[in-house]
């Protein structure tokens, strides 16, 4: 990216040299640690952009809520299965409703 894109939404708070592409100035094929660091930095920028609403994706808050809802759903499914088995056992003993 060229420096004309330095005003990318959600990154205005960063110094100009950090707003550009993470690989800028790091073109060596053998510098893998710099590329790993750049990708980690790029990922953190992407996450910040998602949190700010500048990039589509799931925020931490939404992810935590989804995780809790899935946990609650699992628990309710387990409880429902227990109740289903208990009702089947109760009815198998001849305890029919209305008698």
Protein backbone atom coordinates (compact mmCIF):
# COMPACT_ATOMS: atom_id res chain seq x y z
CA UNK A 1 0.00 0.00 0.00
CA UNK A 2 1.17 3.48 -0.62
CA UNK A 3 1.32 6.19 1.98
CA UNK A 4 -1.79 7.87 0.53
CA UNK A 5 -3.87 5.21 2.34
CA UNK A 6 -2.44 6.19 5.72
CA UNK A 7 -5.85 7.42 6.86
CA UNK A 8 -7.46 3.97 6.95
CA UNK A 9 -10.58 4.05 9.09
CA UNK A 10 -10.02 2.76 12.61
CA UNK A 11 -6.26 3.38 12.57
CA UNK A 12 -6.19 7.16 12.90
CA UNK A 13 -4.84 6.87 16.44
CA UNK A 14 -1.67 5.16 15.16
CA UNK A 15 1.45 7.00 14.00
CA UNK A 16 1.66 7.37 10.21
CA UNK A 17 4.46 4.80 9.90
CA UNK A 18 2.28 2.16 11.58
CA UNK A 19 -0.82 2.80 9.46
CA UNK A 20 0.72 1.39 6.31
CA UNK A 21 1.00 -2.27 5.38
CA UNK A 22 2.80 -4.39 8.03
CA UNK A 23 5.33 -5.71 5.49
CA UNK A 24 6.38 -2.25 4.32
CA UNK A 25 10.16 -2.02 4.49
CA UNK A 26 10.59 -5.73 5.28
CA UNK A 27 11.16 -7.36 1.93
CA UNK A 28 13.90 -9.86 2.91
CA UNK A 29 13.06 -13.48 2.09
CA UNK A 30 15.05 -14.74 5.05
CA UNK A 31 13.55 -12.52 7.70
CA UNK A 32 10.79 -14.88 8.84
CA UNK A 33 10.58 -13.46 12.35
CA UNK A 34 9.81 -10.02 10.93
CA UNK A 35 7.06 -11.51 8.76
CA UNK A 36 5.60 -13.43 11.72
CA UNK A 37 5.62 -10.28 13.79
CA UNK A 38 4.05 -8.38 10.91
CA UNK A 39 1.27 -10.94 10.56
CA UNK A 40 0.62 -10.84 14.31
CA UNK A 41 0.52 -7.06 14.14
CA UNK A 42 -1.76 -7.21 11.10
CA UNK A 43 -4.07 -9.60 12.98
CA UNK A 44 -4.24 -7.26 15.96
CA UNK A 45 -5.07 -4.36 13.64
CA UNK A 46 -7.79 -6.44 12.00
CA UNK A 47 -9.20 -7.34 15.43
CA UNK A 48 -9.16 -3.67 16.43
CA UNK A 49 -10.94 -2.76 13.21
CA UNK A 50 -13.61 -5.40 13.90
CA UNK A 51 -14.06 -4.09 17.45
CA UNK A 52 -14.40 -0.52 16.11
CA UNK A 53 -16.94 -1.64 13.51
CA UNK A 54 -14.68 -0.64 10.62
CA UNK A 55 -14.31 -4.23 9.41
CA UNK A 56 -16.95 -6.98 9.25
CA UNK A 57 -16.57 -9.75 11.77
CA UNK A 58 -17.46 -10.95 15.25
CA UNK A 59 -16.36 -8.79 18.17
CA UNK A 60 -15.00 -10.23 21.41
CA UNK A 61 -18.25 -9.39 23.15
CA UNK A 62 -20.32 -11.16 20.50
CA UNK A 63 -17.97 -14.14 20.58
CA UNK A 64 -18.26 -14.41 24.36
CA UNK A 65 -22.05 -14.12 24.16
CA UNK A 66 -22.20 -16.81 21.47
CA UNK A 67 -19.99 -19.09 23.56
CA UNK A 68 -22.27 -18.63 26.60
CA UNK A 69 -25.41 -19.24 24.53
CA UNK A 70 -23.95 -22.44 23.08
CA UNK A 71 -23.06 -23.61 26.60
CA UNK A 72 -26.59 -22.82 27.82
CA UNK A 73 -28.09 -24.61 24.80
CA UNK A 74 -26.01 -27.73 25.53
CA UNK A 75 -27.18 -27.72 29.14
CA UNK A 76 -30.84 -27.32 28.14
CA UNK A 77 -30.53 -30.16 25.62
CA UNK A 78 -29.05 -32.41 28.32
CA UNK A 79 -31.84 -31.49 30.75
CA UNK A 80 -34.45 -32.13 28.07
CA UNK A 81 -32.97 -35.57 27.36
CA UNK A 82 -33.13 -36.47 31.08
CA UNK A 83 -36.76 -35.37 31.27
CA UNK A 84 -37.61 -37.30 28.10
CA UNK A 85 -36.09 -40.50 29.54
CA UNK A 86 -37.80 -39.98 32.91
CA UNK A 87 -41.18 -39.52 31.22
CA UNK A 88 -40.64 -42.66 29.11
CA UNK A 89 -39.72 -44.67 32.22
CA UNK A 90 -42.71 -43.32 34.13
CA UNK A 91 -45.11 -44.16 31.30
CA UNK A 92 -43.53 -47.61 30.84
CA UNK A 93 -44.54 -48.50 34.41
CA UNK A 94 -48.18 -48.20 33.45
CA UNK A 95 -48.72 -44.76 34.91
CA UNK A 96 -50.77 -43.44 32.07
CA UNK A 97 -52.34 -40.00 32.32
CA UNK A 98 -56.08 -39.93 33.00
CA UNK A 99 -56.26 -43.28 34.85
